[in-house]
Amino acid sequence: MATSNCPETPRQKMIGMMYLVLTAMLALNVSSEVLDAFAKVDKGLHKTNQVTKLKNKEIIMALEKAYSDNPVKVKPFLEKANQVTRVTSDIIENIRKNKEDIVKYKDGEDFDILNIENKGNREAAALVMLNSGKATALKNDVHDYRDQLLNMLTNAPTSLRNSIDENLTLSDVKKNGKTISWEKATFEEMPLISSVTLLSQLEANVRNAETDVLNYLSRQVDADSYKVTDVIASITGPTNTISGSNVTFQIFPTAIDATQEFEGEVNGKPFKLEGGKYEYSFPANRVGTTLIKGFINILSPSGEIEKKEFEHKLEVSSPSAVVSPSAMNVFYAGIKNPITVTAAGVKQSDISISVAGARHQRTNDGYDITPTVAPGQKVNITVTVNGKNMGTSEFRVKSVPPPTPMVGSKRGGRVSIAELKANGGVDAILENFPFDGLKYKISGFTVTTTGKGGFSNEMRSNSRNFTSAQLNAISSMRQGSRVIIDDIVAVGPDGKSRTLPSLVFRIR
């Protein structure tokens, strides 16, 4: 802030010269023509102040209009502008009241501020403003007003802050090496019209400061906005779909700056925008999810380069056609039947099924279907994609076929004792069954051997393995003897037991 100890500014020098001129005028017993000239200057300042007031009101109205269009963006600036208007109105009213008090002191209650009768009176200003301390109070109020404006302009250009500081600092005046206070320089031994004119000039300085601050706040609304030279139409929508689906797209205007040479990178490939856009294309050869990501370097309003990142996912599906022979649409009772459900161009996460006549469970590869109805009945599966019914498939339920009992790879016939013993027991094999890993478990079987004298020997095992007695009996058999394995019981994956056909071997 300016003080009396600082070097004089051009404005302070001007005030000092005006004080000297006024003093000289007093010494020369100022003529009525000069006083009338001051009156004309005061009327001119009054008109100028009214015009400035209207212009400032227009700035506020423009901010209010901008606020109605974009409240979030404009609100902080409009609030400051309204605060500036309020404190300005207060200080203007203070100045106006002091002018009226000076004029009324000499011209009476019926005074006209623009047509002063006692223009040359040299006592009224001093008696009203100095003796009562109003001059000092006014100076302090003006300085408080100045400080409030400067506090709102923390980030404003230095030139703007300096201008407001200088025009609203009521400095002392130097004369013949002596310092004269602003109060005495303005009101002591001054013609009434000169003091009123100086107060009108102070009012003009206040109005001009208000204008400067309001214009600054108005400019700040768009200070962080990006430059736009054109608006183009854009459309975005799904990255995949299937025939018969409803497809929704978003169509919207996009603001661009076609004059700026934007640069960026997409999937590691540098590019430059032409006409505000760039077309990126590549062969979609890999089935699955393809990630498209990168960035665009944009020059911000502050002059810094900002990296704006983008990302997009593209689902690529293989061209496919599904052929389902109706005679083969079979589910097996009591077990999990694996199925896959696909739709060309559709993500698995968008596909769902509902099943009648079976339980279903999602797996990594599709679904497991476990029929809950008896063999001979049917299971219906309905497929939906994003809520759209894609149709229903029907499957017949059959029993799992019985397994074949085997010892090693033998189903009977001629066999050596070593071959018979090598496998260690009896297995139940599902031959040519479409599901891998489905097994029956042997829970027991009987071995019958023929010993010396033609006597039969029956021995029972309660597992798939030969017992010690069975192995000893097999080891003692002669060439040409028969070994019969019957009463073979197997437990299936559905938990049910089945009796399997007998095996007959002849020792070679």
Protein backbone atom coordinates (compact mmCIF):
# COMPACT_ATOMS: atom_id res chain seq x y z
CA MET A 1 0.00 0.00 0.00
CA ALA A 2 1.11 3.58 -0.61
CA THR A 3 2.20 5.62 2.44
CA SER A 4 3.43 9.14 3.06
CA ASN A 5 6.98 7.81 3.38
CA CYS A 6 7.02 6.30 -0.11
CA PRO A 7 8.19 8.16 -3.25
CA GLU A 8 5.41 10.25 -4.75
CA THR A 9 3.42 8.68 -7.56
CA PRO A 10 2.25 10.74 -10.59
CA ARG A 11 -1.22 10.91 -9.07
CA GLN A 12 0.14 12.23 -5.76
CA LYS A 13 2.13 14.85 -7.61
CA MET A 14 -1.04 15.88 -9.48
CA ILE A 15 -2.95 16.26 -6.19
CA GLY A 16 -0.11 18.35 -4.81
CA MET A 17 -0.17 20.61 -7.84
CA MET A 18 -3.96 20.94 -7.56
CA TYR A 19 -3.55 21.98 -3.93
CA LEU A 20 -1.03 24.65 -4.94
CA VAL A 21 -3.36 25.89 -7.68
CA LEU A 22 -6.28 26.11 -5.26
CA THR A 23 -4.14 27.94 -2.72
CA ALA A 24 -3.06 30.41 -5.38
CA MET A 25 -6.68 30.87 -6.41
CA LEU A 26 -7.59 31.72 -2.85
CA ALA A 27 -4.78 34.26 -2.65
CA LEU A 28 -6.04 35.86 -5.85
CA ASN A 29 -9.62 36.00 -4.59
CA VAL A 30 -11.03 33.47 -7.11
CA SER A 31 -13.44 34.90 -9.63
CA SER A 32 -16.96 33.59 -10.14
CA GLU A 33 -15.95 32.38 -13.61
CA VAL A 34 -13.38 29.98 -12.12
CA LEU A 35 -15.88 28.76 -9.54
CA ASP A 36 -18.41 28.17 -12.32
CA ALA A 37 -15.77 26.18 -14.18
CA PHE A 38 -15.38 23.92 -11.12
CA ALA A 39 -19.16 23.49 -11.09
CA LYS A 40 -19.07 22.35 -14.73
CA VAL A 41 -16.31 19.86 -13.93
CA ASP A 42 -18.36 18.51 -11.03
CA LYS A 43 -21.45 18.09 -13.22
CA GLY A 44 -19.32 16.29 -15.81
CA LEU A 45 -17.99 13.93 -13.16
CA HIS A 46 -21.55 13.30 -11.95
CA LYS A 47 -22.65 12.25 -15.46
CA THR A 48 -19.55 10.09 -15.93
CA ASN A 49 -20.18 8.33 -12.63
CA GLN A 50 -23.79 7.59 -13.63
CA VAL A 51 -22.65 6.08 -16.95
CA THR A 52 -20.00 3.97 -15.20
CA LYS A 53 -22.62 2.77 -12.71
CA LEU A 54 -24.84 1.57 -15.57
CA LYS A 55 -21.94 -0.19 -17.30
CA ASN A 56 -21.05 -1.99 -14.08
CA LYS A 57 -24.67 -3.08 -13.74
CA GLU A 58 -24.48 -4.57 -17.25
CA ILE A 59 -21.44 -6.62 -16.22
CA ILE A 60 -23.39 -8.01 -13.26
CA MET A 61 -26.35 -8.84 -15.52
CA ALA A 62 -24.03 -10.68 -17.93
CA LEU A 63 -22.61 -12.71 -15.04
CA GLU A 64 -26.13 -13.53 -13.84
CA LYS A 65 -27.02 -14.76 -17.35
CA ALA A 66 -23.88 -16.90 -17.43
CA TYR A 67 -24.79 -18.27 -14.00
CA SER A 68 -28.20 -19.40 -15.23
CA ASP A 69 -26.46 -21.31 -18.04
CA ASN A 70 -23.68 -22.82 -15.92
CA PRO A 71 -24.23 -22.33 -12.15
CA VAL A 72 -21.31 -24.48 -10.98
CA LYS A 73 -18.74 -22.69 -13.11
CA VAL A 74 -19.95 -19.11 -12.61
CA LYS A 75 -21.10 -19.19 -8.97
CA PRO A 76 -17.78 -18.22 -7.25
CA PHE A 77 -17.22 -15.30 -9.64
CA LEU A 78 -20.79 -14.00 -9.36
CA GLU A 79 -20.59 -14.14 -5.56
CA LYS A 80 -17.41 -12.03 -5.59
CA ALA A 81 -18.95 -9.60 -8.09
CA ASN A 82 -22.01 -9.09 -5.90
CA GLN A 83 -19.73 -8.50 -2.93
CA VAL A 84 -17.82 -5.85 -4.92
CA THR A 85 -21.11 -4.15 -5.80
CA ARG A 86 -22.25 -4.10 -2.16
CA VAL A 87 -19.07 -2.58 -0.72
CA THR A 88 -18.90 -0.10 -3.61
CA SER A 89 -22.47 1.05 -2.94
CA ASP A 90 -21.57 1.58 0.72
CA ILE A 91 -18.53 3.77 0.03
CA ILE A 92 -20.34 5.72 -2.73
CA GLU A 93 -23.18 6.44 -0.30
CA ASN A 94 -20.60 7.61 2.26
CA ILE A 95 -19.04 10.05 -0.23
CA ARG A 96 -22.45 11.30 -1.41
CA LYS A 97 -23.60 11.94 2.18
CA ASN A 98 -20.48 14.00 2.95
CA LYS A 99 -20.94 16.11 -0.19
CA GLU A 100 -24.54 16.81 0.73
CA ASP A 101 -23.61 17.74 4.30
CA ILE A 102 -21.06 20.28 3.03
CA VAL A 103 -23.51 21.91 0.60
CA LYS A 104 -26.43 21.82 3.03
CA TYR A 105 -24.33 23.55 5.72
CA LYS A 106 -24.23 26.72 3.61
CA ASP A 107 -27.14 26.45 1.15
CA GLY A 108 -29.70 25.13 3.66
CA GLU A 109 -32.18 22.28 3.52
CA ASP A 110 -33.36 23.15 0.01
CA PHE A 111 -29.88 22.71 -1.50
CA ASP A 112 -29.29 21.37 -5.03
CA ILE A 113 -26.07 19.39 -5.23
CA LEU A 114 -25.71 20.16 -8.95
CA ASN A 115 -26.52 23.88 -8.59
CA ILE A 116 -24.61 25.12 -5.55
CA GLU A 117 -25.26 28.74 -4.57
CA ASN A 118 -22.33 29.44 -2.23
CA LYS A 119 -19.60 27.95 -4.40
CA GLY A 120 -16.87 30.20 -3.06
CA ASN A 121 -17.53 29.71 0.66
CA ARG A 122 -14.26 28.70 2.37
CA GLU A 123 -15.58 27.64 5.76
CA ALA A 124 -18.27 25.00 5.12
CA ALA A 125 -15.97 22.17 4.00
CA ALA A 126 -13.57 22.58 6.92
CA LEU A 127 -16.32 22.96 9.52
CA VAL A 128 -18.21 19.87 8.29
CA MET A 129 -15.29 17.57 7.47
CA LEU A 130 -12.37 18.59 9.68
CA ASN A 131 -13.86 19.75 12.97
CA SER A 132 -16.06 16.64 13.24
CA GLY A 133 -13.40 14.15 12.09
CA LYS A 134 -15.51 13.08 9.11
CA ALA A 135 -12.60 13.59 6.71
CA THR A 136 -10.38 11.10 8.54
CA ALA A 137 -13.26 8.64 8.87
CA LEU A 138 -13.90 8.90 5.12
CA LYS A 139 -10.23 8.33 4.32
CA ASN A 140 -10.17 5.24 6.53
CA ASP A 141 -13.34 3.90 4.89
CA VAL A 142 -11.85 4.39 1.41
CA HIS A 143 -8.67 2.58 2.44
CA ASP A 144 -10.72 -0.29 3.91
CA TYR A 145 -12.62 -0.49 0.61
CA ARG A 146 -9.32 -0.55 -1.29
CA ASP A 147 -8.03 -3.41 0.88
CA GLN A 148 -11.22 -5.44 0.36
CA LEU A 149 -10.82 -5.18 -3.41
CA LEU A 150 -7.14 -6.14 -3.28
CA ASN A 151 -7.97 -9.19 -1.14
CA MET A 152 -10.25 -10.38 -3.94
CA LEU A 153 -7.45 -9.94 -6.48
CA THR A 154 -4.79 -12.19 -4.96
CA ASN A 155 -3.98 -13.81 -8.33
CA ALA A 156 -4.74 -10.76 -10.48
CA PRO A 157 -2.08 -9.09 -12.65
CA THR A 158 0.25 -6.75 -10.76
CA SER A 159 -0.73 -3.83 -13.00
CA LEU A 160 -4.38 -4.12 -11.94
CA ARG A 161 -3.53 -4.32 -8.25
CA ASN A 162 -1.16 -1.35 -8.50
CA SER A 163 -3.77 0.75 -10.32
CA ILE A 164 -6.41 0.14 -7.65
CA ASP A 165 -3.89 0.73 -4.86
CA GLU A 166 -2.80 4.07 -6.32
CA ASN A 167 -6.25 5.42 -7.22
CA LEU A 168 -7.77 4.55 -3.84
CA THR A 169 -4.91 5.64 -1.59
CA LEU A 170 -5.60 9.12 -0.18
CA SER A 171 -2.02 10.26 0.37
CA ASP A 172 -0.66 13.30 2.13
CA VAL A 173 0.63 16.24 0.05
CA LYS A 174 4.05 17.87 0.26
CA LYS A 175 4.33 21.69 0.06
CA ASN A 176 7.52 23.67 0.52
CA GLY A 177 9.14 20.67 2.21
CA LYS A 178 6.22 20.25 4.58
CA THR A 179 3.70 17.39 4.61
CA ILE A 180 0.04 18.35 4.55
CA SER A 181 -2.54 15.67 5.32
CA TRP A 182 -5.05 14.62 2.69
CA GLU A 183 -7.81 15.90 4.94
CA LYS A 184 -6.45 19.47 5.11
CA ALA A 185 -5.40 19.48 1.45
CA THR A 186 -8.97 18.64 0.47
CA PHE A 187 -11.10 20.65 2.92
CA GLU A 188 -9.12 23.37 4.77
CA GLU A 189 -9.66 26.92 3.45
CA MET A 190 -11.03 25.47 0.22
CA PRO A 191 -13.91 26.91 -1.78
CA LEU A 192 -16.96 24.76 -1.22
CA ILE A 193 -17.22 23.83 -4.91
CA SER A 194 -13.59 22.66 -5.03
CA SER A 195 -14.05 20.26 -2.08
CA VAL A 196 -17.25 18.90 -3.63
CA THR A 197 -15.48 18.42 -6.98
CA LEU A 198 -12.59 16.56 -5.30
CA LEU A 199 -15.12 14.24 -3.62
CA SER A 200 -16.80 13.67 -7.00
CA GLN A 201 -13.39 12.74 -8.40
CA LEU A 202 -12.94 10.30 -5.50
CA GLU A 203 -16.34 8.82 -6.36
CA ALA A 204 -15.16 8.41 -9.98
CA ASN A 205 -12.04 6.58 -8.77
CA VAL A 206 -14.23 4.21 -6.74
CA ARG A 207 -16.52 3.52 -9.72
CA ASN A 208 -13.52 2.91 -12.00
CA ALA A 209 -12.03 0.49 -9.48
CA GLU A 210 -15.36 -1.33 -9.36
CA THR A 211 -15.32 -1.58 -13.16
CA ASP A 212 -11.78 -2.96 -13.23
CA VAL A 213 -12.55 -5.66 -10.65
CA LEU A 214 -15.87 -6.68 -12.27
CA ASN A 215 -14.23 -6.94 -15.70
CA TYR A 216 -11.45 -9.06 -14.22
CA LEU A 217 -13.94 -11.43 -12.55
CA SER A 218 -15.95 -11.66 -15.77
CA ARG A 219 -12.84 -12.63 -17.75
CA GLN A 220 -11.90 -15.24 -15.16
CA VAL A 221 -15.11 -17.19 -15.84
CA ASP A 222 -13.65 -18.45 -19.12
CA ALA A 223 -9.98 -18.20 -18.19
CA ASP A 224 -9.75 -22.00 -17.76
CA SER A 225 -11.95 -22.83 -20.76
CA TYR A 226 -10.55 -24.53 -23.84
CA LYS A 227 -10.70 -22.86 -27.21
CA VAL A 228 -13.40 -24.18 -29.54
CA THR A 229 -13.46 -23.50 -33.28
CA ASP A 230 -16.03 -26.03 -34.40
CA VAL A 231 -18.66 -28.45 -33.18
CA ILE A 232 -18.99 -31.84 -34.88
CA ALA A 233 -21.51 -34.66 -34.53
CA SER A 234 -20.31 -37.79 -32.72
CA ILE A 235 -21.87 -41.21 -32.18
CA THR A 236 -20.95 -44.05 -29.84
CA GLY A 237 -22.59 -47.39 -29.25
CA PRO A 238 -22.10 -51.09 -28.59
CA THR A 239 -18.91 -52.77 -29.68
CA ASN A 240 -20.74 -56.01 -30.57
CA THR A 241 -24.25 -57.26 -31.21
CA ILE A 242 -26.26 -60.07 -32.74
CA SER A 243 -29.06 -60.19 -35.28
CA GLY A 244 -32.48 -59.31 -33.90
CA SER A 245 -31.22 -57.31 -30.90
CA ASN A 246 -32.24 -53.74 -30.11
CA VAL A 247 -29.20 -51.50 -30.45
CA THR A 248 -28.85 -48.13 -28.68
CA PHE A 249 -26.42 -45.41 -29.77
CA GLN A 250 -25.56 -42.06 -28.19
CA ILE A 251 -25.45 -39.11 -30.60
CA PHE A 252 -24.04 -35.83 -29.32
CA PRO A 253 -22.14 -32.70 -30.40
CA THR A 254 -18.41 -32.58 -29.75
CA ALA A 255 -16.49 -29.32 -29.47
CA ILE A 256 -13.10 -29.30 -31.20
CA ASP A 257 -10.27 -26.86 -31.90
CA ALA A 258 -9.40 -27.52 -35.53
CA THR A 259 -6.60 -24.92 -35.44
CA GLN A 260 -4.52 -26.72 -32.81
CA GLU A 261 -2.20 -29.53 -33.94
CA PHE A 262 -2.97 -32.19 -31.38
CA GLU A 263 -0.57 -35.10 -31.02
CA GLY A 264 -0.98 -38.36 -29.16
CA GLU A 265 -0.45 -42.09 -29.08
CA VAL A 266 -2.76 -45.09 -29.45
CA ASN A 267 -1.57 -48.61 -28.58
CA GLY A 268 2.01 -47.37 -28.88
CA LYS A 269 1.48 -45.72 -32.29
CA PRO A 270 2.06 -41.92 -32.48
CA PHE A 271 -0.51 -39.86 -34.39
CA LYS A 272 -1.57 -36.29 -35.22
CA LEU A 273 -5.14 -35.05 -35.38
CA GLU A 274 -6.33 -33.58 -38.66
CA GLY A 275 -9.35 -31.32 -38.57
CA GLY A 276 -9.74 -32.08 -34.87
CA LYS A 277 -9.89 -35.88 -35.25
CA TYR A 278 -7.90 -39.01 -36.09
CA GLU A 279 -9.13 -42.27 -37.59
CA TYR A 280 -7.48 -45.36 -36.11
CA SER A 281 -7.93 -48.70 -37.85
CA PHE A 282 -6.36 -52.13 -37.45
CA PRO A 283 -7.12 -55.73 -38.48
CA ALA A 284 -9.16 -57.51 -35.79
CA ASN A 285 -7.41 -60.86 -36.20
CA ARG A 286 -7.32 -62.00 -32.58
CA VAL A 287 -10.48 -63.45 -31.06
CA GLY A 288 -11.31 -62.11 -27.60
CA THR A 289 -11.08 -58.73 -25.89
CA THR A 290 -8.88 -56.12 -27.55
CA LEU A 291 -7.93 -53.07 -25.48
CA ILE A 292 -7.51 -49.76 -27.32
CA LYS A 293 -5.84 -47.15 -25.13
CA GLY A 294 -3.67 -44.09 -25.44
CA PHE A 295 -3.60 -40.35 -24.89
CA ILE A 296 -3.88 -36.95 -26.59
CA ASN A 297 -1.64 -34.01 -25.67
CA ILE A 298 -3.77 -30.87 -25.32
CA LEU A 299 -2.60 -27.29 -24.81
CA SER A 300 -4.48 -26.00 -21.75
CA PRO A 301 -5.67 -22.38 -21.36
CA SER A 302 -2.75 -21.85 -18.97
CA GLY A 303 -0.31 -22.77 -21.75
CA GLU A 304 0.72 -26.13 -20.27
CA ILE A 305 0.53 -29.47 -22.10
CA GLU A 306 -2.04 -31.80 -20.53
CA LYS A 307 -2.14 -35.54 -21.29
CA LYS A 308 -5.75 -36.69 -21.74
CA GLU A 309 -5.98 -40.49 -21.60
CA PHE A 310 -8.62 -42.70 -23.24
CA GLU A 311 -9.48 -46.41 -23.19
CA HIS A 312 -11.92 -48.61 -25.11
CA LYS A 313 -12.57 -52.37 -25.16
CA LEU A 314 -13.50 -54.26 -28.33
CA GLU A 315 -14.91 -57.79 -28.25
CA VAL A 316 -13.83 -59.80 -31.30
CA SER A 317 -15.70 -63.06 -32.02
CA SER A 318 -15.06 -65.78 -34.59
CA PRO A 319 -17.54 -66.16 -37.44
CA SER A 320 -19.51 -69.25 -36.45
CA ALA A 321 -22.55 -71.36 -37.18
CA VAL A 322 -23.93 -73.93 -34.75
CA VAL A 323 -25.37 -77.18 -36.16
CA SER A 324 -27.32 -79.30 -33.63
CA PRO A 325 -28.50 -82.69 -34.94
CA SER A 326 -31.86 -83.24 -33.21
CA ALA A 327 -31.35 -87.01 -32.87
CA MET A 328 -28.28 -86.40 -30.71
CA ASN A 329 -29.86 -83.93 -28.27
CA VAL A 330 -29.44 -86.19 -25.24
CA PHE A 331 -28.76 -85.67 -21.54
CA TYR A 332 -27.82 -88.62 -19.32
CA ALA A 333 -29.68 -89.06 -16.06
CA GLY A 334 -27.88 -88.79 -12.74
CA ILE A 335 -24.71 -87.08 -13.99
CA LYS A 336 -23.47 -83.61 -14.96
CA ASN A 337 -23.81 -83.06 -18.70
CA PRO A 338 -21.41 -80.32 -19.90
CA ILE A 339 -22.68 -77.90 -22.55
CA THR A 340 -21.46 -74.69 -24.16
CA VAL A 341 -23.76 -71.87 -25.22
CA THR A 342 -22.49 -69.34 -27.77
CA ALA A 343 -23.88 -66.53 -29.89
CA ALA A 344 -21.77 -64.94 -32.60
CA GLY A 345 -20.44 -61.55 -31.61
CA VAL A 346 -21.76 -61.77 -28.04
CA LYS A 347 -19.74 -61.90 -24.82
CA GLN A 348 -20.32 -64.91 -22.58
CA SER A 349 -21.21 -62.55 -19.73
CA ASP A 350 -24.20 -61.30 -21.79
CA ILE A 351 -25.59 -64.83 -22.29
CA SER A 352 -27.84 -66.53 -19.74
CA ILE A 353 -30.00 -69.67 -19.71
CA SER A 354 -33.05 -71.01 -17.91
CA VAL A 355 -33.62 -74.77 -17.63
CA ALA A 356 -36.78 -76.82 -17.10
CA GLY A 357 -36.34 -80.41 -15.90
CA ALA A 358 -32.75 -80.10 -14.68
CA ARG A 359 -30.36 -78.23 -12.43
CA HIS A 360 -27.70 -76.07 -14.08
CA GLN A 361 -24.41 -74.61 -12.89
CA ARG A 362 -22.11 -72.19 -14.73
CA THR A 363 -18.54 -73.40 -15.32
CA ASN A 364 -15.44 -71.88 -16.90
CA ASP A 365 -16.36 -73.45 -20.24
CA GLY A 366 -20.15 -73.22 -20.14
CA TYR A 367 -22.68 -75.05 -17.98
CA ASP A 368 -23.18 -78.42 -16.28
CA ILE A 369 -26.72 -79.77 -16.70
CA THR A 370 -27.96 -82.43 -14.24
CA PRO A 371 -31.42 -83.80 -15.17
CA THR A 372 -33.98 -84.00 -12.38
CA VAL A 373 -36.53 -85.89 -14.47
CA ALA A 374 -36.55 -89.64 -15.17
CA PRO A 375 -35.09 -91.22 -18.30
CA GLY A 376 -37.50 -90.96 -21.20
CA GLN A 377 -38.60 -87.43 -20.25
CA LYS A 378 -37.28 -84.13 -21.65
CA VAL A 379 -35.22 -81.11 -20.54
CA ASN A 380 -35.80 -77.67 -22.11
CA ILE A 381 -33.11 -74.96 -22.18
CA THR A 382 -34.01 -71.36 -23.06
CA VAL A 383 -31.20 -68.97 -24.05
CA THR A 384 -31.39 -65.18 -23.57
CA VAL A 385 -28.93 -62.48 -24.64
CA ASN A 386 -29.17 -59.20 -22.74
CA GLY A 387 -32.72 -60.12 -21.80
CA LYS A 388 -33.77 -61.06 -25.35
CA ASN A 389 -35.15 -64.60 -25.84
CA MET A 390 -33.00 -66.38 -28.41
CA GLY A 391 -34.98 -69.64 -28.47
CA THR A 392 -35.43 -72.94 -26.63
CA SER A 393 -33.66 -76.29 -27.23
CA GLU A 394 -35.10 -79.68 -26.23
CA PHE A 395 -33.05 -82.61 -24.92
CA ARG A 396 -34.09 -86.23 -24.27
CA VAL A 397 -33.03 -87.85 -21.00
CA LYS A 398 -31.44 -91.31 -21.18
CA SER A 399 -29.87 -93.63 -18.65
CA VAL A 400 -26.11 -93.91 -18.58
CA PRO A 401 -25.27 -97.17 -20.47
CA PRO A 402 -23.96 -100.13 -18.41
CA PRO A 403 -20.20 -100.63 -18.34
CA THR A 404 -18.29 -103.66 -19.60
CA PRO A 405 -16.51 -105.80 -16.95
CA MET A 406 -12.87 -106.44 -17.81
CA VAL A 407 -9.72 -107.86 -16.26
CA GLY A 408 -7.02 -105.70 -17.73
CA SER A 409 -7.92 -105.61 -21.40
CA LYS A 410 -9.57 -109.04 -21.34
CA ARG A 411 -13.29 -109.70 -21.49
CA GLY A 412 -12.84 -113.49 -21.31
CA GLY A 413 -11.27 -116.20 -23.42
CA ARG A 414 -7.86 -117.82 -23.20
CA VAL A 415 -5.49 -116.17 -20.73
CA SER A 416 -2.34 -117.05 -18.82
CA ILE A 417 -2.27 -117.15 -15.03
CA ALA A 418 0.23 -114.27 -15.06
CA GLU A 419 -2.06 -112.09 -17.21
CA LEU A 420 -5.03 -112.85 -14.99
CA LYS A 421 -3.19 -111.93 -11.82
CA ALA A 422 -1.34 -108.90 -13.25
CA ASN A 423 -4.33 -106.50 -13.19
CA GLY A 424 -5.09 -107.34 -9.57
CA GLY A 425 -8.87 -107.31 -9.96
CA VAL A 426 -11.92 -106.45 -12.06
CA ASP A 427 -12.77 -103.05 -13.63
CA ALA A 428 -15.98 -101.66 -15.16
CA ILE A 429 -15.23 -99.77 -18.39
CA LEU A 430 -17.61 -97.40 -20.24
CA GLU A 431 -16.65 -97.96 -23.84
CA ASN A 432 -17.25 -95.26 -26.47
CA PHE A 433 -19.04 -92.98 -23.99
CA PRO A 434 -18.91 -89.25 -24.94
CA PHE A 435 -17.99 -87.97 -21.45
CA ASP A 436 -14.39 -88.36 -20.39
CA GLY A 437 -13.65 -89.30 -16.80
CA LEU A 438 -17.00 -90.93 -16.06
CA LYS A 439 -16.37 -94.20 -14.17
CA TYR A 440 -18.14 -97.11 -12.52
CA LYS A 441 -16.70 -98.58 -9.34
CA ILE A 442 -16.70 -102.36 -8.77
CA SER A 443 -18.13 -103.10 -5.31
CA GLY A 444 -17.77 -106.92 -5.43
CA PHE A 445 -17.54 -110.11 -7.49
CA THR A 446 -17.25 -113.91 -7.11
CA VAL A 447 -14.46 -116.08 -8.55
CA THR A 448 -15.29 -119.75 -9.24
CA THR A 449 -12.45 -122.16 -10.04
CA THR A 450 -12.49 -125.92 -10.79
CA GLY A 451 -9.95 -127.92 -8.80
CA LYS A 452 -8.80 -131.58 -8.77
CA GLY A 453 -11.57 -134.08 -9.07
CA GLY A 454 -13.81 -131.49 -10.76
CA PHE A 455 -14.83 -129.78 -7.56
CA SER A 456 -15.81 -126.07 -7.78
CA ASN A 457 -14.46 -123.46 -5.40
CA GLU A 458 -16.33 -120.12 -4.99
CA MET A 459 -14.64 -117.13 -3.37
CA ARG A 460 -16.14 -113.63 -2.84
CA SER A 461 -14.37 -110.23 -3.03
CA ASN A 462 -16.09 -107.09 -1.74
CA SER A 463 -13.97 -104.69 -3.81
CA ARG A 464 -12.44 -104.55 -7.27
CA ASN A 465 -9.34 -106.41 -6.09
CA PHE A 466 -8.72 -110.15 -6.04
CA THR A 467 -8.51 -111.54 -2.52
CA SER A 468 -5.53 -113.61 -1.37
CA ALA A 469 -7.67 -116.76 -1.53
CA GLN A 470 -8.74 -115.94 -5.09
CA LEU A 471 -5.14 -115.32 -6.18
CA ASN A 472 -3.95 -118.60 -4.59
CA ALA A 473 -6.74 -120.52 -6.32
CA ILE A 474 -5.87 -118.95 -9.69
CA SER A 475 -2.17 -119.74 -9.20
CA SER A 476 -2.90 -123.45 -8.63
CA MET A 477 -4.99 -123.92 -11.76
CA ARG A 478 -3.89 -126.19 -14.57
CA GLN A 479 -3.83 -125.53 -18.28
CA GLY A 480 -7.31 -125.80 -19.78
CA SER A 481 -9.06 -125.09 -16.48
CA ARG A 482 -11.83 -122.48 -16.39
CA VAL A 483 -12.11 -119.39 -14.18
CA ILE A 484 -15.56 -117.84 -13.89
CA ILE A 485 -16.04 -114.31 -12.53
CA ASP A 486 -19.71 -113.57 -11.93
CA ASP A 487 -22.07 -111.73 -9.60
CA ILE A 488 -20.13 -108.59 -10.59
CA VAL A 489 -21.67 -105.50 -8.97
CA ALA A 490 -20.73 -101.97 -10.11
CA VAL A 491 -21.82 -98.60 -8.63
CA GLY A 492 -22.40 -95.87 -11.20
CA PRO A 493 -21.81 -92.09 -10.96
CA ASP A 494 -25.49 -91.75 -10.08
CA GLY A 495 -24.91 -93.90 -6.97
CA LYS A 496 -26.97 -96.83 -8.25
CA SER A 497 -25.67 -100.44 -8.27
CA ARG A 498 -25.79 -102.63 -11.36
CA THR A 499 -25.05 -106.34 -11.87
CA LEU A 500 -22.78 -106.87 -14.85
CA PRO A 501 -22.40 -109.89 -17.17
CA SER A 502 -20.07 -112.75 -16.15
CA LEU A 503 -16.51 -113.26 -17.39
CA VAL A 504 -15.25 -116.74 -18.38
CA PHE A 505 -11.52 -117.37 -18.82
CA ARG A 506 -9.67 -120.58 -19.82
CA ILE A 507 -6.11 -121.05 -18.61
CA ARG A 508 -3.65 -121.64 -21.41
